């Protein structure tokens, strides 16, 4: 048994609502692979529980699996903002979000990630950001996020391993992720660790 299989076997099980959403995503969309895997989802939940954030922003919603994971640790008075351009996914999101007792805490933005960040109200400092949107724009998203984070704010970047191909892959997405990884590792304002889960999940704390 390799480490990832061992981790999955010995970790808490995926909640039923999330398992049902996972199944529906694979059955009713053509891109189920874009959804967070169960282990990544449990880490999103764990980080949210540890931080007890008041404001969460998720860049890239897809079918809303990660949204529900992040929602698990949100403070009782908190707000979870999630950004998705593809309105064809909204029906599936609503179907499953409505089954969660805290669905009223979710605000969906039908927009691009960068536009939402550029117009973010400064009186709402972001405690936790989950970045899983347009990979080509990820460095601009980082630039926009940094001044919006609360003191000791956190960011979680998905797909930072890119199937292990970044050393050889060419193109705007790979170039952007290579640049992101180099920036996060070298920026003295940030504490960064890459978690070997899913397609690479990079946890970043602003200090």
N, C-alpha and C. Protein backbone atom coordinates (compact mmCIF):
# COMPACT_ATOMS: atom_id res chain seq x y z
N UNK A 1 0.85 -1.19 0.00
CA UNK A 1 0.00 0.00 0.00
C UNK A 1 0.88 1.24 0.00
N UNK A 2 0.71 2.12 -1.00
CA UNK A 2 1.52 3.34 -1.02
C UNK A 2 0.95 4.35 -0.02
N UNK A 3 1.68 5.46 0.16
CA UNK A 3 1.32 6.42 1.20
C UNK A 3 -0.05 7.04 0.97
N UNK A 4 -0.37 7.38 -0.30
CA UNK A 4 -1.66 8.00 -0.55
C UNK A 4 -2.81 7.03 -0.27
N UNK A 5 -2.63 5.76 -0.66
CA UNK A 5 -3.66 4.76 -0.36
C UNK A 5 -3.80 4.55 1.15
N UNK A 6 -2.67 4.53 1.84
CA UNK A 6 -2.67 4.39 3.30
C UNK A 6 -3.41 5.56 3.94
N UNK A 7 -3.11 6.78 3.44
CA UNK A 7 -3.76 7.97 3.98
C UNK A 7 -5.27 7.90 3.78
N UNK A 8 -5.70 7.54 2.58
CA UNK A 8 -7.14 7.46 2.30
C UNK A 8 -7.81 6.41 3.18
N UNK A 9 -7.14 5.29 3.38
CA UNK A 9 -7.73 4.18 4.15
C UNK A 9 -7.88 4.54 5.62
N UNK A 10 -6.95 5.34 6.14
CA UNK A 10 -6.92 5.61 7.58
C UNK A 10 -7.45 6.99 7.96
N UNK A 11 -8.02 7.71 7.02
CA UNK A 11 -8.60 9.02 7.30
C UNK A 11 -10.11 8.93 7.45
N UNK A 12 -10.70 10.00 7.98
CA UNK A 12 -12.16 10.05 8.13
C UNK A 12 -12.84 9.89 6.78
N UNK A 13 -13.97 9.24 6.79
CA UNK A 13 -14.70 8.99 5.56
C UNK A 13 -15.34 10.27 5.01
N UNK A 14 -15.52 10.28 3.73
CA UNK A 14 -16.21 11.37 3.03
C UNK A 14 -17.68 11.41 3.48
N UNK A 15 -18.19 12.58 3.92
CA UNK A 15 -19.60 12.67 4.30
C UNK A 15 -20.53 12.25 3.17
N UNK A 16 -21.70 11.77 3.54
CA UNK A 16 -22.65 11.24 2.55
C UNK A 16 -23.04 12.28 1.52
N UNK A 17 -23.32 13.52 1.95
CA UNK A 17 -23.71 14.57 1.01
C UNK A 17 -22.63 14.78 -0.04
N UNK A 18 -21.38 14.77 0.38
CA UNK A 18 -20.28 14.98 -0.55
C UNK A 18 -20.11 13.78 -1.47
N UNK A 19 -20.29 12.59 -0.94
CA UNK A 19 -20.20 11.39 -1.79
C UNK A 19 -21.28 11.42 -2.86
N UNK A 20 -22.47 11.85 -2.50
CA UNK A 20 -23.56 11.94 -3.48
C UNK A 20 -23.27 13.01 -4.54
N UNK A 21 -22.70 14.14 -4.11
CA UNK A 21 -22.33 15.18 -5.07
C UNK A 21 -21.22 14.69 -5.99
N UNK A 22 -20.27 13.95 -5.46
CA UNK A 22 -19.21 13.39 -6.29
C UNK A 22 -19.79 12.49 -7.37
N UNK A 23 -20.70 11.63 -6.98
CA UNK A 23 -21.32 10.71 -7.94
C UNK A 23 -22.09 11.49 -9.00
N UNK A 24 -22.85 12.47 -8.58
CA UNK A 24 -23.64 13.26 -9.53
C UNK A 24 -22.74 14.05 -10.48
N UNK A 25 -21.61 14.53 -9.96
CA UNK A 25 -20.69 15.28 -10.82
C UNK A 25 -20.15 14.40 -11.93
N UNK A 26 -19.75 13.19 -11.61
CA UNK A 26 -19.25 12.27 -12.63
C UNK A 26 -20.34 11.85 -13.61
N UNK A 27 -21.56 11.72 -13.12
CA UNK A 27 -22.65 11.27 -13.98
C UNK A 27 -23.20 12.38 -14.88
N UNK A 28 -23.16 13.63 -14.39
CA UNK A 28 -23.89 14.70 -15.06
C UNK A 28 -23.02 15.82 -15.64
N UNK A 29 -21.70 15.68 -15.52
CA UNK A 29 -20.81 16.62 -16.20
C UNK A 29 -19.78 15.81 -16.99
N UNK A 30 -19.08 16.50 -17.86
CA UNK A 30 -18.07 15.82 -18.68
C UNK A 30 -16.67 15.96 -18.09
N UNK A 31 -16.55 16.63 -16.96
CA UNK A 31 -15.23 16.95 -16.44
C UNK A 31 -15.12 16.64 -14.95
N UNK A 32 -15.52 15.44 -14.58
CA UNK A 32 -15.47 15.07 -13.17
C UNK A 32 -14.09 15.15 -12.56
N UNK A 33 -13.05 15.01 -13.38
CA UNK A 33 -11.67 15.06 -12.87
C UNK A 33 -11.32 16.44 -12.30
N UNK A 34 -12.12 17.47 -12.65
CA UNK A 34 -11.84 18.81 -12.12
C UNK A 34 -12.26 18.96 -10.66
N UNK A 35 -13.02 18.03 -10.17
CA UNK A 35 -13.50 18.09 -8.79
C UNK A 35 -12.39 17.71 -7.81
N UNK A 36 -12.39 18.31 -6.64
CA UNK A 36 -11.43 17.94 -5.60
C UNK A 36 -11.61 16.48 -5.23
N UNK A 37 -10.51 15.77 -5.02
CA UNK A 37 -10.60 14.39 -4.57
C UNK A 37 -10.96 14.35 -3.09
N UNK A 38 -11.42 13.21 -2.58
CA UNK A 38 -11.87 13.15 -1.19
C UNK A 38 -10.81 13.56 -0.18
N UNK A 39 -9.54 13.18 -0.39
CA UNK A 39 -8.50 13.54 0.57
C UNK A 39 -8.26 15.05 0.60
N UNK A 40 -8.23 15.66 -0.57
CA UNK A 40 -8.10 17.11 -0.62
C UNK A 40 -9.29 17.76 0.07
N UNK A 41 -10.47 17.23 -0.17
CA UNK A 41 -11.67 17.76 0.47
C UNK A 41 -11.60 17.70 1.98
N UNK A 42 -11.07 16.60 2.52
CA UNK A 42 -10.97 16.47 3.98
C UNK A 42 -9.91 17.45 4.53
N UNK A 43 -8.89 17.74 3.75
CA UNK A 43 -7.91 18.74 4.19
C UNK A 43 -8.53 20.13 4.18
N UNK A 44 -9.32 20.44 3.15
CA UNK A 44 -10.02 21.73 3.14
C UNK A 44 -10.89 21.88 4.38
N UNK A 45 -11.60 20.84 4.72
CA UNK A 45 -12.44 20.86 5.91
C UNK A 45 -11.60 21.03 7.18
N UNK A 46 -10.50 20.29 7.27
CA UNK A 46 -9.65 20.35 8.45
C UNK A 46 -9.06 21.73 8.64
N UNK A 47 -8.55 22.33 7.55
CA UNK A 47 -7.98 23.68 7.64
C UNK A 47 -9.05 24.68 8.06
N UNK A 48 -10.24 24.56 7.48
CA UNK A 48 -11.32 25.45 7.84
C UNK A 48 -11.70 25.31 9.31
N UNK A 49 -11.74 24.08 9.80
CA UNK A 49 -12.03 23.87 11.22
C UNK A 49 -10.93 24.45 12.11
N UNK A 50 -9.68 24.33 11.70
CA UNK A 50 -8.57 24.84 12.52
C UNK A 50 -8.59 26.36 12.58
N UNK A 51 -8.89 27.00 11.45
CA UNK A 51 -8.82 28.46 11.39
C UNK A 51 -10.08 29.13 11.90
N UNK A 52 -11.22 28.44 11.80
CA UNK A 52 -12.52 29.04 12.13
C UNK A 52 -12.67 30.41 11.45
N UNK A 53 -12.56 30.45 10.13
CA UNK A 53 -12.55 31.73 9.42
C UNK A 53 -13.92 32.43 9.45
N UNK A 54 -13.85 33.77 9.41
CA UNK A 54 -15.08 34.55 9.29
C UNK A 54 -15.41 34.80 7.82
N UNK A 55 -14.37 35.00 7.00
CA UNK A 55 -14.57 35.22 5.56
C UNK A 55 -13.70 34.23 4.80
N UNK A 56 -14.35 33.43 3.96
CA UNK A 56 -13.68 32.51 3.05
C UNK A 56 -14.01 32.94 1.63
N UNK A 57 -13.01 32.87 0.73
CA UNK A 57 -13.29 33.03 -0.68
C UNK A 57 -12.73 31.83 -1.43
N UNK A 58 -13.54 31.30 -2.33
CA UNK A 58 -13.15 30.17 -3.17
C UNK A 58 -13.16 30.66 -4.61
N UNK A 59 -12.03 30.54 -5.28
CA UNK A 59 -11.92 30.96 -6.68
C UNK A 59 -11.97 29.72 -7.55
N UNK A 60 -13.10 29.52 -8.22
CA UNK A 60 -13.32 28.32 -9.01
C UNK A 60 -14.17 27.33 -8.25
N UNK A 61 -15.47 27.33 -8.53
CA UNK A 61 -16.43 26.53 -7.75
C UNK A 61 -16.64 25.14 -8.33
N UNK A 62 -16.68 25.03 -9.66
CA UNK A 62 -17.08 23.82 -10.39
C UNK A 62 -18.45 23.38 -9.85
N UNK A 63 -18.61 22.17 -9.35
CA UNK A 63 -19.94 21.74 -8.90
C UNK A 63 -20.18 22.00 -7.42
N UNK A 64 -19.22 22.63 -6.74
CA UNK A 64 -19.45 23.04 -5.35
C UNK A 64 -19.01 22.06 -4.30
N UNK A 65 -18.19 21.08 -4.67
CA UNK A 65 -17.71 20.10 -3.71
C UNK A 65 -16.80 20.76 -2.67
N UNK A 66 -15.79 21.50 -3.16
CA UNK A 66 -14.89 22.20 -2.25
C UNK A 66 -15.62 23.20 -1.37
N UNK A 67 -16.64 23.82 -1.93
CA UNK A 67 -17.45 24.80 -1.18
C UNK A 67 -18.00 24.16 0.08
N UNK A 68 -18.60 22.99 -0.07
CA UNK A 68 -19.18 22.31 1.09
C UNK A 68 -18.12 21.88 2.09
N UNK A 69 -16.94 21.51 1.61
CA UNK A 69 -15.85 21.14 2.52
C UNK A 69 -15.42 22.35 3.34
N UNK A 70 -15.22 23.49 2.68
CA UNK A 70 -14.80 24.71 3.38
C UNK A 70 -15.87 25.20 4.34
N UNK A 71 -17.12 24.99 3.99
CA UNK A 71 -18.23 25.46 4.81
C UNK A 71 -18.24 24.79 6.19
N UNK A 72 -17.66 23.61 6.28
CA UNK A 72 -17.73 22.83 7.52
C UNK A 72 -17.09 23.54 8.72
N UNK A 73 -16.06 24.38 8.48
CA UNK A 73 -15.39 25.03 9.59
C UNK A 73 -15.68 26.52 9.72
N UNK A 74 -16.55 27.05 8.87
CA UNK A 74 -16.86 28.48 8.89
C UNK A 74 -17.51 28.87 10.22
N UNK A 75 -17.14 30.03 10.75
CA UNK A 75 -17.78 30.52 11.98
C UNK A 75 -19.28 30.67 11.79
N UNK A 76 -20.00 30.67 12.89
CA UNK A 76 -21.46 30.73 12.82
C UNK A 76 -21.93 32.01 12.14
N UNK A 77 -21.18 33.12 12.29
CA UNK A 77 -21.56 34.38 11.66
C UNK A 77 -20.80 34.62 10.36
N UNK A 78 -20.08 33.61 9.88
CA UNK A 78 -19.19 33.78 8.73
C UNK A 78 -19.89 33.81 7.38
N UNK A 79 -19.09 34.15 6.38
CA UNK A 79 -19.56 34.22 5.00
C UNK A 79 -18.58 33.45 4.11
N UNK A 80 -19.12 32.66 3.20
CA UNK A 80 -18.30 31.93 2.23
C UNK A 80 -18.67 32.44 0.84
N UNK A 81 -17.72 33.08 0.17
CA UNK A 81 -17.93 33.60 -1.17
C UNK A 81 -17.24 32.66 -2.16
N UNK A 82 -17.95 32.29 -3.21
CA UNK A 82 -17.37 31.40 -4.21
C UNK A 82 -17.63 31.96 -5.60
N UNK A 83 -16.65 31.81 -6.49
CA UNK A 83 -16.64 32.49 -7.79
C UNK A 83 -16.62 31.45 -8.91
N UNK A 84 -17.60 31.53 -9.81
CA UNK A 84 -17.68 30.60 -10.93
C UNK A 84 -18.22 31.31 -12.17
N UNK A 85 -17.56 31.12 -13.29
CA UNK A 85 -18.00 31.75 -14.55
C UNK A 85 -19.09 30.96 -15.26
N UNK A 86 -19.10 29.63 -15.09
CA UNK A 86 -19.97 28.76 -15.88
C UNK A 86 -21.33 28.58 -15.19
N UNK A 87 -22.34 29.31 -15.67
CA UNK A 87 -23.65 29.24 -15.02
C UNK A 87 -24.39 27.93 -15.30
N UNK A 88 -23.88 27.11 -16.21
CA UNK A 88 -24.50 25.80 -16.46
C UNK A 88 -24.32 24.87 -15.26
N UNK A 89 -23.41 25.20 -14.36
CA UNK A 89 -23.16 24.37 -13.18
C UNK A 89 -24.02 24.77 -11.99
N UNK A 90 -24.72 25.89 -12.09
CA UNK A 90 -25.41 26.43 -10.92
C UNK A 90 -26.52 25.51 -10.42
N UNK A 91 -27.23 24.86 -11.32
CA UNK A 91 -28.32 23.98 -10.91
C UNK A 91 -27.82 22.83 -10.05
N UNK A 92 -26.70 22.23 -10.44
CA UNK A 92 -26.12 21.13 -9.67
C UNK A 92 -25.60 21.63 -8.32
N UNK A 93 -24.96 22.78 -8.33
CA UNK A 93 -24.52 23.37 -7.07
C UNK A 93 -25.69 23.56 -6.12
N UNK A 94 -26.74 24.22 -6.60
CA UNK A 94 -27.89 24.54 -5.74
C UNK A 94 -28.57 23.29 -5.20
N UNK A 95 -28.65 22.26 -6.03
CA UNK A 95 -29.30 21.02 -5.62
C UNK A 95 -28.66 20.43 -4.37
N UNK A 96 -27.32 20.47 -4.32
CA UNK A 96 -26.62 19.86 -3.19
C UNK A 96 -26.35 20.85 -2.07
N UNK A 97 -26.05 22.08 -2.41
CA UNK A 97 -25.86 23.08 -1.34
C UNK A 97 -27.11 23.21 -0.48
N UNK A 98 -28.28 23.16 -1.11
CA UNK A 98 -29.53 23.36 -0.37
C UNK A 98 -29.75 22.28 0.68
N UNK A 99 -29.04 21.16 0.58
CA UNK A 99 -29.18 20.09 1.55
C UNK A 99 -28.30 20.28 2.79
N UNK A 100 -27.44 21.30 2.75
CA UNK A 100 -26.56 21.56 3.89
C UNK A 100 -27.24 22.59 4.80
N UNK A 101 -27.23 22.38 6.11
CA UNK A 101 -27.96 23.30 7.01
C UNK A 101 -27.41 24.73 7.01
N UNK A 102 -26.21 24.93 6.50
CA UNK A 102 -25.63 26.28 6.51
C UNK A 102 -25.52 26.87 5.09
N UNK A 103 -26.35 26.43 4.20
CA UNK A 103 -26.24 26.89 2.81
C UNK A 103 -26.47 28.39 2.66
N UNK A 104 -27.19 28.99 3.61
CA UNK A 104 -27.44 30.43 3.52
C UNK A 104 -26.18 31.27 3.70
N UNK A 105 -25.10 30.66 4.19
CA UNK A 105 -23.83 31.38 4.36
C UNK A 105 -23.05 31.50 3.06
N UNK A 106 -23.50 30.82 2.00
CA UNK A 106 -22.79 30.81 0.72
C UNK A 106 -23.29 31.95 -0.17
N UNK A 107 -22.36 32.73 -0.70
CA UNK A 107 -22.67 33.73 -1.72
C UNK A 107 -21.91 33.35 -2.99
N UNK A 108 -22.64 33.15 -4.07
CA UNK A 108 -22.01 32.78 -5.35
C UNK A 108 -21.85 34.03 -6.22
N UNK A 109 -20.68 34.18 -6.82
CA UNK A 109 -20.40 35.27 -7.74
C UNK A 109 -20.27 34.70 -9.15
N UNK A 110 -21.13 35.13 -10.05
CA UNK A 110 -21.05 34.72 -11.45
C UNK A 110 -20.13 35.71 -12.16
N UNK A 111 -18.84 35.41 -12.14
CA UNK A 111 -17.85 36.39 -12.58
C UNK A 111 -16.50 35.70 -12.72
N UNK A 112 -15.49 36.47 -13.12
CA UNK A 112 -14.13 35.96 -13.12
C UNK A 112 -13.50 36.19 -11.75
N UNK A 113 -12.54 35.36 -11.42
CA UNK A 113 -11.88 35.48 -10.12
C UNK A 113 -11.22 36.84 -9.96
N UNK A 114 -10.51 37.29 -10.98
CA UNK A 114 -9.77 38.53 -10.85
C UNK A 114 -10.70 39.73 -10.70
N UNK A 115 -11.81 39.73 -11.43
CA UNK A 115 -12.73 40.86 -11.33
C UNK A 115 -13.34 40.94 -9.93
N UNK A 116 -13.69 39.80 -9.35
CA UNK A 116 -14.23 39.80 -7.98
C UNK A 116 -13.19 40.33 -7.00
N UNK A 117 -11.95 39.90 -7.13
CA UNK A 117 -10.90 40.36 -6.21
C UNK A 117 -10.64 41.84 -6.38
N UNK A 118 -10.62 42.31 -7.60
CA UNK A 118 -10.35 43.73 -7.85
C UNK A 118 -11.44 44.63 -7.28
N UNK A 119 -12.63 44.08 -7.09
CA UNK A 119 -13.74 44.86 -6.56
C UNK A 119 -14.14 44.44 -5.14
N UNK A 120 -13.24 43.73 -4.46
CA UNK A 120 -13.54 43.22 -3.13
C UNK A 120 -13.60 44.36 -2.11
N UNK A 121 -14.62 44.40 -1.25
CA UNK A 121 -14.71 45.46 -0.24
C UNK A 121 -13.62 45.34 0.81
N UNK A 122 -12.82 46.37 1.03
CA UNK A 122 -11.69 46.27 1.97
C UNK A 122 -12.12 46.03 3.41
N UNK A 123 -13.38 46.30 3.73
CA UNK A 123 -13.84 46.06 5.11
C UNK A 123 -14.11 44.59 5.38
N UNK A 124 -13.90 43.71 4.40
CA UNK A 124 -14.09 42.28 4.58
C UNK A 124 -12.76 41.54 4.36
N UNK A 125 -11.82 41.63 5.30
CA UNK A 125 -10.55 40.92 5.12
C UNK A 125 -10.78 39.42 5.03
N UNK A 126 -10.05 38.80 4.13
CA UNK A 126 -10.23 37.38 3.84
C UNK A 126 -9.34 36.55 4.76
N UNK A 127 -9.94 35.62 5.48
CA UNK A 127 -9.20 34.75 6.39
C UNK A 127 -8.65 33.51 5.71
N UNK A 128 -9.38 33.01 4.72
CA UNK A 128 -8.98 31.78 4.03
C UNK A 128 -9.41 31.88 2.57
N UNK A 129 -8.46 31.65 1.67
CA UNK A 129 -8.75 31.64 0.23
C UNK A 129 -8.35 30.29 -0.35
N UNK A 130 -9.24 29.72 -1.13
CA UNK A 130 -8.96 28.47 -1.85
C UNK A 130 -8.94 28.81 -3.33
N UNK A 131 -7.79 28.63 -3.98
CA UNK A 131 -7.60 29.09 -5.35
C UNK A 131 -7.55 27.89 -6.27
N UNK A 132 -8.58 27.73 -7.08
CA UNK A 132 -8.69 26.59 -8.00
C UNK A 132 -9.40 27.04 -9.27
N UNK A 133 -9.05 28.24 -9.74
CA UNK A 133 -9.71 28.81 -10.93
C UNK A 133 -8.74 28.76 -12.10
N UNK A 134 -8.82 29.74 -12.96
CA UNK A 134 -8.00 29.85 -14.16
C UNK A 134 -6.52 29.78 -13.81
N UNK A 135 -5.83 28.73 -14.27
CA UNK A 135 -4.41 28.56 -13.91
C UNK A 135 -3.54 29.62 -14.57
N UNK A 136 -3.88 30.05 -15.75
CA UNK A 136 -3.08 31.07 -16.42
C UNK A 136 -3.09 32.38 -15.65
N UNK A 137 -4.16 32.64 -14.94
CA UNK A 137 -4.28 33.89 -14.21
C UNK A 137 -3.91 33.79 -12.75
N UNK A 138 -3.29 32.70 -12.33
CA UNK A 138 -3.10 32.45 -10.90
C UNK A 138 -2.15 33.46 -10.26
N UNK A 139 -1.17 33.96 -10.99
CA UNK A 139 -0.25 34.94 -10.40
C UNK A 139 -0.91 36.30 -10.22
N UNK A 140 -1.77 36.68 -11.16
CA UNK A 140 -2.54 37.91 -10.98
C UNK A 140 -3.51 37.76 -9.81
N UNK A 141 -4.07 36.57 -9.63
CA UNK A 141 -4.96 36.32 -8.49
C UNK A 141 -4.18 36.44 -7.18
N UNK A 142 -2.96 35.93 -7.15
CA UNK A 142 -2.13 36.06 -5.95
C UNK A 142 -1.85 37.53 -5.65
N UNK A 143 -1.48 38.30 -6.68
CA UNK A 143 -1.22 39.73 -6.48
C UNK A 143 -2.44 40.44 -5.90
N UNK A 144 -3.62 40.09 -6.40
CA UNK A 144 -4.84 40.73 -5.92
C UNK A 144 -5.23 40.27 -4.53
N UNK A 145 -4.94 39.02 -4.20
CA UNK A 145 -5.32 38.46 -2.90
C UNK A 145 -4.49 38.99 -1.75
N UNK A 146 -3.21 39.14 -1.94
CA UNK A 146 -2.30 39.44 -0.83
C UNK A 146 -2.74 40.64 0.01
N UNK A 147 -3.10 41.78 -0.61
CA UNK A 147 -3.52 42.91 0.23
C UNK A 147 -4.89 42.74 0.86
N UNK A 148 -5.64 41.74 0.43
CA UNK A 148 -7.00 41.53 0.95
C UNK A 148 -7.02 40.56 2.12
N UNK A 149 -5.92 39.87 2.36
CA UNK A 149 -5.89 38.86 3.42
C UNK A 149 -5.83 39.52 4.79
N UNK A 150 -6.46 38.88 5.74
CA UNK A 150 -6.36 39.32 7.13
C UNK A 150 -4.96 39.02 7.67
N UNK A 151 -4.63 39.56 8.82
CA UNK A 151 -3.37 39.21 9.48
C UNK A 151 -3.35 37.70 9.72
N UNK A 152 -2.27 37.06 9.32
CA UNK A 152 -2.16 35.59 9.40
C UNK A 152 -3.21 34.90 8.53
N UNK A 153 -3.62 35.57 7.44
CA UNK A 153 -4.54 34.93 6.50
C UNK A 153 -3.88 33.77 5.76
N UNK A 154 -4.71 32.86 5.30
CA UNK A 154 -4.24 31.64 4.64
C UNK A 154 -4.74 31.57 3.21
N UNK A 155 -3.91 30.92 2.36
CA UNK A 155 -4.31 30.60 0.99
C UNK A 155 -4.00 29.13 0.73
N UNK A 156 -4.86 28.48 -0.01
CA UNK A 156 -4.66 27.10 -0.45
C UNK A 156 -4.74 27.08 -1.97
N UNK A 157 -3.65 26.69 -2.62
CA UNK A 157 -3.60 26.63 -4.08
C UNK A 157 -3.66 25.18 -4.53
N UNK A 158 -4.62 24.86 -5.40
CA UNK A 158 -4.75 23.50 -5.90
C UNK A 158 -3.98 23.33 -7.21
N UNK A 159 -3.66 22.07 -7.53
CA UNK A 159 -3.02 21.68 -8.80
C UNK A 159 -1.60 22.22 -8.95
N UNK A 160 -0.88 22.41 -7.85
CA UNK A 160 0.46 22.97 -7.97
C UNK A 160 1.51 21.93 -8.35
N UNK A 161 1.11 20.68 -8.43
CA UNK A 161 2.01 19.62 -8.92
C UNK A 161 1.83 19.41 -10.41
N UNK A 162 0.60 19.62 -10.89
CA UNK A 162 0.25 19.51 -12.33
C UNK A 162 0.64 18.15 -12.90
N UNK A 163 0.19 17.10 -12.20
CA UNK A 163 0.47 15.72 -12.60
C UNK A 163 1.96 15.43 -12.71
N UNK A 164 2.78 16.20 -12.02
CA UNK A 164 4.21 15.98 -12.04
C UNK A 164 4.91 16.36 -13.32
N UNK A 165 4.25 17.15 -14.16
CA UNK A 165 4.79 17.43 -15.50
C UNK A 165 5.42 18.81 -15.62
N UNK A 166 5.45 19.61 -14.54
CA UNK A 166 5.87 20.99 -14.69
C UNK A 166 7.31 21.14 -15.18
N UNK A 167 8.15 20.16 -14.89
CA UNK A 167 9.53 20.24 -15.37
C UNK A 167 9.66 20.14 -16.87
N UNK A 168 8.66 19.48 -17.50
CA UNK A 168 8.73 19.27 -18.94
C UNK A 168 7.64 20.00 -19.72
N UNK A 169 6.52 20.28 -19.06
CA UNK A 169 5.36 20.85 -19.77
C UNK A 169 5.66 22.27 -20.24
N UNK A 170 5.08 22.61 -21.39
CA UNK A 170 5.20 23.94 -21.96
C UNK A 170 3.81 24.52 -22.16
N UNK A 171 3.72 25.82 -22.15
CA UNK A 171 2.44 26.46 -22.38
C UNK A 171 2.10 27.42 -21.26
N UNK A 172 1.06 28.24 -21.46
CA UNK A 172 0.75 29.29 -20.48
C UNK A 172 0.35 28.77 -19.11
N UNK A 173 -0.36 27.65 -19.03
CA UNK A 173 -0.75 27.13 -17.72
C UNK A 173 0.46 26.62 -16.94
N UNK A 174 1.28 25.81 -17.60
CA UNK A 174 2.47 25.29 -16.93
C UNK A 174 3.42 26.42 -16.55
N UNK A 175 3.59 27.38 -17.44
CA UNK A 175 4.48 28.51 -17.14
C UNK A 175 3.96 29.29 -15.92
N UNK A 176 2.65 29.50 -15.86
CA UNK A 176 2.07 30.24 -14.74
C UNK A 176 2.25 29.49 -13.43
N UNK A 177 2.05 28.16 -13.44
CA UNK A 177 2.21 27.38 -12.22
C UNK A 177 3.67 27.30 -11.77
N UNK A 178 4.58 27.20 -12.73
CA UNK A 178 6.00 27.23 -12.38
C UNK A 178 6.36 28.56 -11.72
N UNK A 179 5.86 29.64 -12.28
CA UNK A 179 6.12 30.96 -11.70
C UNK A 179 5.50 31.09 -10.32
N UNK A 180 4.29 30.57 -10.15
CA UNK A 180 3.63 30.62 -8.85
C UNK A 180 4.44 29.87 -7.80
N UNK A 181 4.83 28.64 -8.12
CA UNK A 181 5.58 27.83 -7.16
C UNK A 181 6.87 28.53 -6.74
N UNK A 182 7.57 29.13 -7.70
CA UNK A 182 8.81 29.84 -7.39
C UNK A 182 8.54 31.05 -6.50
N UNK A 183 7.47 31.77 -6.79
CA UNK A 183 7.12 32.95 -5.98
C UNK A 183 6.78 32.56 -4.55
N UNK A 184 5.95 31.55 -4.39
CA UNK A 184 5.51 31.17 -3.05
C UNK A 184 6.68 30.67 -2.21
N UNK A 185 7.61 29.98 -2.83
CA UNK A 185 8.74 29.43 -2.08
C UNK A 185 9.71 30.52 -1.65
N UNK A 186 9.81 31.61 -2.43
CA UNK A 186 10.86 32.60 -2.19
C UNK A 186 10.38 33.86 -1.49
N UNK A 187 9.08 34.04 -1.33
CA UNK A 187 8.54 35.28 -0.76
C UNK A 187 8.66 35.24 0.77
N UNK A 188 9.44 36.15 1.33
CA UNK A 188 9.67 36.16 2.77
C UNK A 188 8.43 36.50 3.58
N UNK A 189 7.41 37.06 2.92
CA UNK A 189 6.18 37.40 3.63
C UNK A 189 5.30 36.18 3.86
N UNK A 190 5.65 35.06 3.22
CA UNK A 190 4.78 33.89 3.19
C UNK A 190 5.48 32.67 3.75
N UNK A 191 4.72 31.88 4.52
CA UNK A 191 5.18 30.56 4.94
C UNK A 191 4.44 29.55 4.08
N UNK A 192 5.19 28.70 3.40
CA UNK A 192 4.60 27.84 2.37
C UNK A 192 5.00 26.39 2.58
N UNK A 193 4.04 25.50 2.40
CA UNK A 193 4.34 24.07 2.38
C UNK A 193 3.45 23.41 1.33
N UNK A 194 4.05 22.56 0.51
CA UNK A 194 3.31 21.81 -0.50
C UNK A 194 2.89 20.47 0.10
N UNK A 195 1.60 20.21 0.11
CA UNK A 195 1.08 18.95 0.65
C UNK A 195 0.96 17.95 -0.49
N UNK A 196 1.54 16.74 -0.34
CA UNK A 196 1.49 15.75 -1.41
C UNK A 196 0.16 15.01 -1.44
N UNK A 197 -0.89 15.73 -1.80
CA UNK A 197 -2.24 15.17 -1.85
C UNK A 197 -2.89 15.62 -3.14
N UNK A 198 -3.73 14.76 -3.71
CA UNK A 198 -4.41 15.12 -4.95
C UNK A 198 -3.40 15.44 -6.04
N UNK A 199 -3.58 16.62 -6.65
CA UNK A 199 -2.66 17.09 -7.69
C UNK A 199 -1.71 18.15 -7.14
N UNK A 200 -1.44 18.07 -5.84
CA UNK A 200 -0.59 19.07 -5.18
C UNK A 200 -1.41 20.18 -4.60
N UNK A 201 -1.40 20.32 -3.30
CA UNK A 201 -2.14 21.38 -2.61
C UNK A 201 -1.11 22.18 -1.80
N UNK A 202 -0.94 23.45 -2.16
CA UNK A 202 0.05 24.30 -1.49
C UNK A 202 -0.65 25.18 -0.46
N UNK A 203 -0.23 25.03 0.79
CA UNK A 203 -0.78 25.82 1.89
C UNK A 203 0.16 26.98 2.16
N UNK A 204 -0.40 28.19 2.26
CA UNK A 204 0.39 29.41 2.40
C UNK A 204 -0.20 30.25 3.52
N UNK A 205 0.67 30.67 4.44
CA UNK A 205 0.25 31.58 5.51
C UNK A 205 0.96 32.91 5.34
N UNK A 206 0.18 33.99 5.32
CA UNK A 206 0.76 35.33 5.26
C UNK A 206 1.16 35.75 6.68
N UNK A 207 2.41 36.24 6.83
CA UNK A 207 2.85 36.67 8.17
C UNK A 207 3.66 37.95 8.08
